[in-house]
Amino acid sequence: MPITVYILGLIVFAMTTSEFMVAGMMSELSAQFGVSIAMIGYLVAAYAGAMTIGGPLLAIGLSKTSKKKALMLLVIIFIVGQTLGALAWNYESMFVARILTGISASAAFGIAISICSDLVPIQLRGRAASVVLSGAMLSNIAGLPLATAITQLWDWRASFWIVDGFVLLSGIVSFTLIPVLAASATQAGSEWSSFRNKSLWAAYMTSMFIIGATFAAFSYFGPILTGLSGFAASTVPWLLVLYGAATVVGNLVVGRLADRYTYPVLIGGLLLLVIGLLAFALFGHQQMIVIAALLVIGLTGITMNPAMSARVMRAGGSGMLVNTVHTSVITLGVLLGSSIGGRAMDNGYGLTAPLWTGVVLGVFGLVSIAIVKVPRMYRPAPSLRSHE
């Protein structure tokens, strides 16, 4: 695996840490800007919304630019946004900073996947994607806790500056290592034609449901583990670390299998995810079953990203627009799952509501695969005459 692929993973690690770091400094930002905690929560939503909508638009604008140059431009935009966040003098300036970083991160993720797929043989694309996406996994178990610790040790601005410097450093290293990968008008045109492929949209739909099912539960693990399962609040961080470790292991395993066994991984992973969520919902009061369910969800949910990416690239190619739209679809899944799960809980369906929401979305994910695979299984084989 080229060293460049690991550097791209570091960029993803830093940018994903920036996405979630606000969650670890809500009280400090609320006091700094004189707004409510809920208003600070909108900063997370602004980042996600910018990733969903702005990322593909930015990728379209860069579609005729070489991938290396496009990535470097996105790193610069991200650094501008992150610097603005570190210097933010009021809530509005921080909001603008989050939009800038969200837009650039979404397009950067898509281009990073596209670049890594160009650097390895086609049979290693899923494995390379797993290395890049492992940056996102590690950000949850290393980046976010470190950013929170730095905020508590110094202040929240220090966290912003450190992420800023990390992106700058990894960007410089990437610039020296990444070869020039051209993006011609013909390539850009072929990308647009990919969006007429129904298999690509089916792959997008499956990805959205997988991530939606996972985050419907993950977004509310804290209150569920304390209020439903009876764990002490001090135990929850350790359970989340256990969950995070499972995602790292699962990502590495899926990365090894994603290219050769794409559909078996997606179908088997979704089945296990639904079973884990179902067990959590039915036996949420039994702590040992809950721990086992957490491990199953961690090993399957977001760790199916390499297989999801391999399926998308198989259907639509390795272009940066195809992969950026995939990133946006994944972010949409996060918003969909967390919002539906939260709304169900607020409407009086209890702490198990997010878990049942995840079960339903997981079943929808299986259906989205079945509507593509089942008709192919029963399609009559072409006759010999058709080949003449």
Protein backbone atom coordinates (compact mmCIF):
# COMPACT_ATOMS: atom_id res chain seq x y z
CA MET A 1 0.00 0.00 0.00
CA PRO A 2 1.59 3.34 -1.04
CA ILE A 3 2.55 5.63 1.82
CA THR A 4 0.44 8.34 0.16
CA VAL A 5 -2.71 6.39 1.03
CA TYR A 6 -1.83 6.60 4.73
CA ILE A 7 -1.16 10.36 4.43
CA LEU A 8 -4.62 10.78 2.89
CA GLY A 9 -5.95 8.91 5.93
CA LEU A 10 -4.26 11.47 8.18
CA ILE A 11 -6.01 14.31 6.32
CA VAL A 12 -9.35 12.54 6.81
CA PHE A 13 -8.47 12.00 10.50
CA ALA A 14 -7.81 15.71 11.08
CA MET A 15 -10.87 16.91 9.15
CA THR A 16 -13.20 14.43 10.89
CA THR A 17 -11.79 15.47 14.26
CA SER A 18 -12.70 19.05 13.32
CA GLU A 19 -16.24 17.90 12.49
CA PHE A 20 -16.91 16.37 15.91
CA MET A 21 -14.63 18.42 18.19
CA VAL A 22 -17.38 20.97 18.86
CA ALA A 23 -19.27 18.25 20.73
CA GLY A 24 -16.48 18.18 23.31
CA MET A 25 -16.39 21.95 23.90
CA MET A 26 -20.07 22.92 23.91
CA SER A 27 -20.01 24.49 27.36
CA GLU A 28 -16.88 26.54 26.58
CA LEU A 29 -18.27 27.80 23.26
CA SER A 30 -21.64 28.57 24.84
CA ALA A 31 -19.93 30.72 27.49
CA GLN A 32 -17.61 32.34 24.93
CA PHE A 33 -20.36 33.47 22.54
CA GLY A 34 -23.18 33.94 25.03
CA VAL A 35 -25.58 31.50 23.35
CA SER A 36 -27.40 28.37 24.46
CA ILE A 37 -26.02 24.83 24.21
CA ALA A 38 -28.66 24.13 21.55
CA MET A 39 -27.26 26.96 19.42
CA ILE A 40 -23.79 25.41 19.70
CA GLY A 41 -25.33 22.13 18.55
CA TYR A 42 -26.33 23.88 15.34
CA LEU A 43 -22.62 24.32 14.60
CA VAL A 44 -22.37 20.53 14.25
CA ALA A 45 -25.46 20.51 12.03
CA ALA A 46 -24.01 23.36 9.93
CA TYR A 47 -20.87 21.32 9.27
CA ALA A 48 -22.90 18.25 8.29
CA GLY A 49 -25.29 20.28 6.14
CA ALA A 50 -22.38 21.93 4.33
CA MET A 51 -20.88 18.49 3.68
CA THR A 52 -24.15 17.20 2.27
CA ILE A 53 -24.99 20.09 -0.05
CA GLY A 54 -21.85 22.14 -0.59
CA GLY A 55 -19.34 19.31 -1.08
CA PRO A 56 -20.76 18.03 -4.41
CA LEU A 57 -21.16 21.60 -5.71
CA LEU A 58 -17.52 22.32 -4.94
CA ALA A 59 -16.49 19.02 -6.55
CA ILE A 60 -18.41 19.96 -9.70
CA GLY A 61 -16.49 23.23 -9.84
CA LEU A 62 -13.22 21.32 -9.57
CA SER A 63 -14.17 18.47 -11.91
CA LYS A 64 -11.84 19.67 -14.70
CA THR A 65 -8.94 20.31 -12.31
CA SER A 66 -6.25 17.72 -11.68
CA LYS A 67 -7.03 15.69 -8.57
CA LYS A 68 -3.81 16.72 -6.85
CA LYS A 69 -4.45 20.42 -7.43
CA ALA A 70 -8.09 20.02 -6.39
CA LEU A 71 -7.09 18.36 -3.11
CA MET A 72 -4.53 21.07 -2.36
CA LEU A 73 -7.13 23.80 -3.01
CA LEU A 74 -9.55 22.05 -0.65
CA VAL A 75 -6.87 21.76 2.04
CA ILE A 76 -6.28 25.52 1.72
CA ILE A 77 -10.03 26.27 1.98
CA PHE A 78 -10.25 24.02 5.02
CA ILE A 79 -7.30 25.75 6.68
CA VAL A 80 -8.92 29.15 6.04
CA GLY A 81 -12.15 27.93 7.65
CA GLN A 82 -10.37 26.28 10.58
CA THR A 83 -8.27 29.41 11.16
CA LEU A 84 -11.42 31.53 11.11
CA GLY A 85 -12.85 29.17 13.73
CA ALA A 86 -9.75 29.54 15.92
CA LEU A 87 -10.03 33.34 15.67
CA ALA A 88 -13.84 33.48 15.86
CA TRP A 89 -14.97 36.63 17.67
CA ASN A 90 -18.70 35.84 17.73
CA TYR A 91 -21.20 33.08 16.98
CA GLU A 92 -21.78 34.21 13.40
CA SER A 93 -18.09 34.05 12.48
CA MET A 94 -17.86 30.55 13.95
CA PHE A 95 -20.93 29.52 11.94
CA VAL A 96 -19.27 30.70 8.72
CA ALA A 97 -16.09 28.84 9.70
CA ARG A 98 -18.03 25.60 10.14
CA ILE A 99 -19.64 25.95 6.71
CA LEU A 100 -16.26 26.53 5.03
CA THR A 101 -14.67 23.53 6.73
CA GLY A 102 -17.71 21.32 6.06
CA ILE A 103 -17.83 22.09 2.34
CA SER A 104 -14.11 21.55 1.84
CA ALA A 105 -14.01 18.38 3.97
CA SER A 106 -16.80 16.70 1.99
CA ALA A 107 -15.12 17.33 -1.36
CA ALA A 108 -11.70 16.42 0.11
CA PHE A 109 -12.99 13.04 1.32
CA GLY A 110 -14.35 12.26 -2.14
CA ILE A 111 -11.13 13.28 -3.87
CA ALA A 112 -9.00 11.37 -1.32
CA ILE A 113 -10.92 8.16 -2.08
CA SER A 114 -10.62 8.88 -5.80
CA ILE A 115 -6.85 9.47 -5.56
CA CYS A 116 -6.19 6.36 -3.48
CA SER A 117 -8.15 4.26 -6.00
CA ASP A 118 -5.92 5.58 -8.78
CA LEU A 119 -2.76 4.72 -6.84
CA VAL A 120 -3.52 1.00 -6.39
CA PRO A 121 -4.63 -1.87 -8.64
CA ILE A 122 -8.39 -2.18 -9.09
CA GLN A 123 -8.51 -5.30 -6.88
CA LEU A 124 -7.13 -3.25 -3.94
CA ARG A 125 -9.47 -0.27 -4.13
CA GLY A 126 -11.64 -1.34 -1.21
CA ARG A 127 -8.58 -2.04 0.92
CA ALA A 128 -7.07 1.35 0.08
CA ALA A 129 -10.38 3.03 0.89
CA SER A 130 -10.39 1.28 4.28
CA VAL A 131 -6.97 2.80 5.07
CA VAL A 132 -8.17 6.30 4.16
CA LEU A 133 -11.46 5.87 6.01
CA SER A 134 -9.71 4.50 9.08
CA GLY A 135 -8.81 8.14 9.71
CA ALA A 136 -12.50 8.82 10.34
CA MET A 137 -12.70 5.83 12.72
CA LEU A 138 -9.62 6.91 14.68
CA SER A 139 -10.93 10.46 15.01
CA ASN A 140 -13.73 9.16 17.23
CA ILE A 141 -11.50 7.20 19.62
CA ALA A 142 -8.40 9.40 19.51
CA GLY A 143 -9.03 12.77 17.83
CA LEU A 144 -12.17 13.77 19.70
CA PRO A 145 -10.90 12.77 23.18
CA LEU A 146 -7.59 14.58 22.52
CA ALA A 147 -9.38 17.71 21.34
CA THR A 148 -11.56 17.62 24.44
CA ALA A 149 -8.54 17.13 26.71
CA ILE A 150 -6.68 20.02 25.06
CA THR A 151 -9.75 22.23 25.52
CA GLN A 152 -9.85 21.40 29.21
CA LEU A 153 -6.09 21.78 29.64
CA TRP A 154 -5.72 25.07 27.74
CA ASP A 155 -8.77 26.36 25.87
CA TRP A 156 -10.95 25.58 22.86
CA ARG A 157 -8.93 27.83 20.53
CA ALA A 158 -5.86 25.66 21.12
CA SER A 159 -7.79 22.64 19.82
CA PHE A 160 -8.68 24.52 16.65
CA TRP A 161 -5.07 25.62 16.09
CA ILE A 162 -3.67 22.10 16.58
CA VAL A 163 -6.11 20.60 14.06
CA ASP A 164 -5.23 23.49 11.74
CA GLY A 165 -1.54 22.68 11.97
CA PHE A 166 -2.14 18.97 11.50
CA VAL A 167 -4.08 19.55 8.26
CA LEU A 168 -1.38 21.94 7.03
CA LEU A 169 1.40 19.43 7.74
CA SER A 170 -0.39 16.47 6.15
CA GLY A 171 -1.33 18.69 3.18
CA ILE A 172 2.32 19.61 2.59
CA VAL A 173 3.38 15.96 2.76
CA SER A 174 0.57 15.00 0.37
CA PHE A 175 1.68 17.69 -2.07
CA THR A 176 5.17 16.18 -2.22
CA LEU A 177 3.99 12.57 -2.58
CA ILE A 178 0.86 12.62 -4.75
CA PRO A 179 1.55 12.38 -8.49
CA VAL A 180 -0.37 14.61 -10.90
CA LEU A 181 -3.59 12.76 -11.74
CA ALA A 182 -5.26 14.58 -14.59
CA ALA A 183 -8.98 15.26 -14.79
CA SER A 184 -9.82 15.79 -18.46
CA ALA A 185 -13.11 16.97 -19.90
CA THR A 186 -13.70 13.40 -21.12
CA GLN A 187 -13.30 12.06 -17.57
CA ALA A 188 -15.64 14.73 -16.24
CA GLY A 189 -18.19 13.84 -18.92
CA SER A 190 -17.98 10.14 -18.11
CA GLU A 191 -18.66 10.94 -14.47
CA TRP A 192 -21.89 12.68 -15.38
CA SER A 193 -22.95 9.67 -17.44
CA SER A 194 -22.34 7.46 -14.38
CA PHE A 195 -25.25 9.14 -12.63
CA ARG A 196 -27.62 7.62 -15.19
CA ASN A 197 -26.69 4.18 -13.83
CA LYS A 198 -29.43 2.83 -11.55
CA SER A 199 -26.92 0.56 -9.82
CA LEU A 200 -25.01 3.62 -8.61
CA TRP A 201 -28.12 5.13 -7.03
CA ALA A 202 -28.96 1.76 -5.46
CA ALA A 203 -25.45 1.70 -3.97
CA TYR A 204 -25.94 5.23 -2.63
CA MET A 205 -29.26 4.22 -1.09
CA THR A 206 -27.74 1.22 0.68
CA SER A 207 -24.93 3.39 2.09
CA MET A 208 -27.43 5.93 3.38
CA PHE A 209 -29.48 3.27 5.18
CA ILE A 210 -26.40 1.58 6.70
CA ILE A 211 -25.07 4.82 8.15
CA GLY A 212 -28.57 5.98 9.12
CA ALA A 213 -29.21 2.75 11.03
CA THR A 214 -25.89 3.07 12.84
CA PHE A 215 -26.20 6.72 13.83
CA ALA A 216 -29.84 6.42 14.85
CA ALA A 217 -28.47 4.41 17.78
CA PHE A 218 -24.95 5.84 18.16
CA SER A 219 -26.18 9.42 18.51
CA TYR A 220 -28.02 8.47 21.70
CA PHE A 221 -25.75 5.83 23.20
CA GLY A 222 -25.05 8.08 26.23
CA PRO A 223 -28.62 8.42 27.54
CA ILE A 224 -29.52 4.88 26.46
CA LEU A 225 -26.59 3.31 28.32
CA THR A 226 -27.29 5.24 31.52
CA GLY A 227 -31.08 5.54 31.45
CA LEU A 228 -31.97 2.14 29.97
CA SER A 229 -29.04 -0.16 30.69
CA GLY A 230 -28.16 1.29 34.11
CA PHE A 231 -24.47 1.95 33.49
CA ALA A 232 -22.82 4.64 35.60
CA ALA A 233 -22.07 7.86 33.72
CA SER A 234 -18.36 7.36 34.43
CA THR A 235 -18.49 4.00 32.61
CA VAL A 236 -19.97 5.36 29.37
CA PRO A 237 -16.69 6.81 27.98
CA TRP A 238 -15.01 3.42 28.39
CA LEU A 239 -17.90 1.70 26.62
CA LEU A 240 -17.58 4.20 23.78
CA VAL A 241 -13.84 3.50 23.59
CA LEU A 242 -14.70 -0.22 23.35
CA TYR A 243 -17.17 0.58 20.58
CA GLY A 244 -14.56 2.73 18.81
CA ALA A 245 -11.95 -0.03 19.01
CA ALA A 246 -14.46 -2.42 17.44
CA THR A 247 -14.97 0.01 14.53
CA VAL A 248 -11.22 0.14 13.89
CA VAL A 249 -10.94 -3.68 13.88
CA GLY A 250 -14.05 -4.03 11.73
CA ASN A 251 -12.78 -1.45 9.24
CA LEU A 252 -9.50 -3.36 8.80
CA VAL A 253 -11.27 -6.69 8.35
CA VAL A 254 -13.84 -5.31 5.90
CA GLY A 255 -11.04 -3.56 4.01
CA ARG A 256 -9.42 -6.95 3.38
CA LEU A 257 -12.68 -8.48 2.13
CA ALA A 258 -14.38 -5.54 0.43
CA ASP A 259 -13.00 -5.99 -3.08
CA ARG A 260 -13.53 -9.74 -3.51
CA TYR A 261 -16.67 -10.17 -1.41
CA THR A 262 -18.45 -6.83 -1.69
CA TYR A 263 -22.04 -8.06 -1.61
CA PRO A 264 -21.53 -10.85 0.97
CA VAL A 265 -19.88 -8.28 3.27
CA LEU A 266 -22.74 -5.79 2.83
CA ILE A 267 -25.49 -8.37 3.28
CA GLY A 268 -23.79 -10.19 6.17
CA GLY A 269 -22.80 -6.93 7.84
CA LEU A 270 -26.32 -5.52 7.59
CA LEU A 271 -27.82 -8.71 9.01
CA LEU A 272 -25.43 -8.59 11.98
CA LEU A 273 -26.10 -4.86 12.45
CA VAL A 274 -29.86 -5.46 12.56
CA ILE A 275 -29.39 -8.36 14.99
CA GLY A 276 -27.16 -6.23 17.24
CA LEU A 277 -29.63 -3.35 17.29
CA LEU A 278 -32.54 -5.74 17.85
CA ALA A 279 -30.77 -7.43 20.78
CA PHE A 280 -29.96 -4.02 22.26
CA ALA A 281 -33.61 -2.93 21.97
CA LEU A 282 -35.08 -6.16 23.39
CA PHE A 283 -32.53 -6.79 26.15
CA GLY A 284 -31.34 -3.27 26.94
CA HIS A 285 -31.61 -3.91 30.71
CA GLN A 286 -29.10 -6.77 30.63
CA GLN A 287 -25.65 -5.23 30.64
CA MET A 288 -23.67 -8.18 29.28
CA ILE A 289 -25.96 -8.44 26.26
CA VAL A 290 -25.68 -4.67 25.79
CA ILE A 291 -21.87 -4.86 25.73
CA ALA A 292 -22.02 -7.68 23.18
CA ALA A 293 -24.48 -5.67 21.09
CA LEU A 294 -22.17 -2.63 21.20
CA LEU A 295 -19.33 -4.76 19.88
CA VAL A 296 -21.49 -6.17 17.06
CA ILE A 297 -22.70 -2.69 16.06
CA GLY A 298 -19.13 -1.40 16.15
CA LEU A 299 -17.81 -4.27 14.05
CA THR A 300 -20.48 -3.87 11.38
CA GLY A 301 -22.09 -0.40 11.10
CA ILE A 302 -19.77 2.31 9.81
CA THR A 303 -17.05 -0.28 9.24
CA MET A 304 -18.84 -1.34 6.05
CA ASN A 305 -17.57 1.90 4.46
CA PRO A 306 -14.84 0.13 2.40
CA ALA A 307 -17.40 -2.29 0.93
CA MET A 308 -19.79 0.60 0.33
CA SER A 309 -17.02 2.52 -1.47
CA ALA A 310 -16.01 -0.53 -3.50
CA ARG A 311 -19.61 -1.00 -4.65
CA VAL A 312 -19.97 2.68 -5.57
CA MET A 313 -16.72 2.69 -7.57
CA ARG A 314 -17.72 -0.53 -9.30
CA ALA A 315 -21.00 1.05 -10.38
CA GLY A 316 -19.88 4.63 -11.07
CA GLY A 317 -16.10 4.62 -11.40
CA SER A 318 -13.43 6.22 -9.25
CA GLY A 319 -14.08 9.85 -10.19
CA MET A 320 -13.99 12.50 -7.50
CA LEU A 321 -17.59 13.67 -8.11
CA VAL A 322 -18.99 10.15 -7.76
CA ASN A 323 -17.09 9.70 -4.49
CA THR A 324 -17.94 13.18 -3.19
CA VAL A 325 -21.65 12.55 -3.74
CA HIS A 326 -21.16 9.28 -1.85
CA THR A 327 -19.67 11.23 1.06
CA SER A 328 -22.69 13.54 0.98
CA VAL A 329 -25.07 10.58 0.96
CA ILE A 330 -23.28 9.12 3.99
CA THR A 331 -23.58 12.46 5.81
CA LEU A 332 -27.26 12.56 4.88
CA GLY A 333 -27.58 9.12 6.48
CA VAL A 334 -26.09 10.51 9.70
CA LEU A 335 -28.62 13.36 9.71
CA LEU A 336 -31.50 11.05 8.77
CA GLY A 337 -30.79 8.42 11.42
CA SER A 338 -30.05 10.81 14.27
CA SER A 339 -33.01 13.09 13.54
CA ILE A 340 -35.58 10.28 13.17
CA GLY A 341 -34.24 8.48 16.25
CA GLY A 342 -34.35 11.69 18.29
CA ARG A 343 -37.82 12.63 17.08
CA ALA A 344 -39.15 9.17 17.95
CA MET A 345 -37.67 9.45 21.44
CA ASP A 346 -39.08 12.97 21.93
CA ASN A 347 -42.53 11.78 20.86
CA GLY A 348 -42.72 9.50 23.87
CA TYR A 349 -41.56 6.17 22.47
CA GLY A 350 -38.83 5.84 25.09
CA LEU A 351 -35.10 5.27 25.08
CA THR A 352 -35.40 2.21 22.85
CA ALA A 353 -36.90 4.30 20.02
CA PRO A 354 -33.52 5.13 18.41
CA LEU A 355 -32.60 1.44 18.49
CA TRP A 356 -35.84 0.41 16.78
CA THR A 357 -35.29 3.21 14.27
CA GLY A 358 -31.93 1.66 13.50
CA VAL A 359 -33.52 -1.77 13.04
CA VAL A 360 -36.03 -0.37 10.52
CA LEU A 361 -33.38 1.53 8.57
CA GLY A 362 -31.16 -1.57 8.54
CA VAL A 363 -34.01 -3.63 7.06
CA PHE A 364 -34.49 -0.93 4.41
CA GLY A 365 -30.78 -1.31 3.63
CA LEU A 366 -31.23 -5.04 3.03
CA VAL A 367 -34.22 -4.33 0.80
CA SER A 368 -32.19 -1.82 -1.21
CA ILE A 369 -29.67 -4.60 -1.97
CA ALA A 370 -32.36 -7.18 -2.69
CA ILE A 371 -34.08 -5.05 -5.33
CA VAL A 372 -30.83 -5.02 -7.28
CA LYS A 373 -29.47 -8.52 -6.61
CA VAL A 374 -32.64 -10.67 -6.72
CA PRO A 375 -33.70 -9.68 -10.27
CA ARG A 376 -30.15 -10.45 -11.48
CA MET A 377 -30.24 -13.87 -9.84
CA TYR A 378 -33.38 -14.83 -11.75
CA ARG A 379 -32.46 -13.17 -15.04
CA PRO A 380 -32.24 -15.84 -17.76
CA ALA A 381 -28.74 -16.56 -19.00
CA PRO A 382 -27.97 -15.26 -22.51
CA SER A 383 -28.12 -17.85 -25.23
CA LEU A 384 -25.13 -18.82 -27.29
CA ARG A 385 -26.71 -17.18 -30.32
CA SER A 386 -26.65 -13.81 -28.57
CA HIS A 387 -22.84 -13.96 -28.55
CA GLU A 388 -22.53 -14.70 -32.24
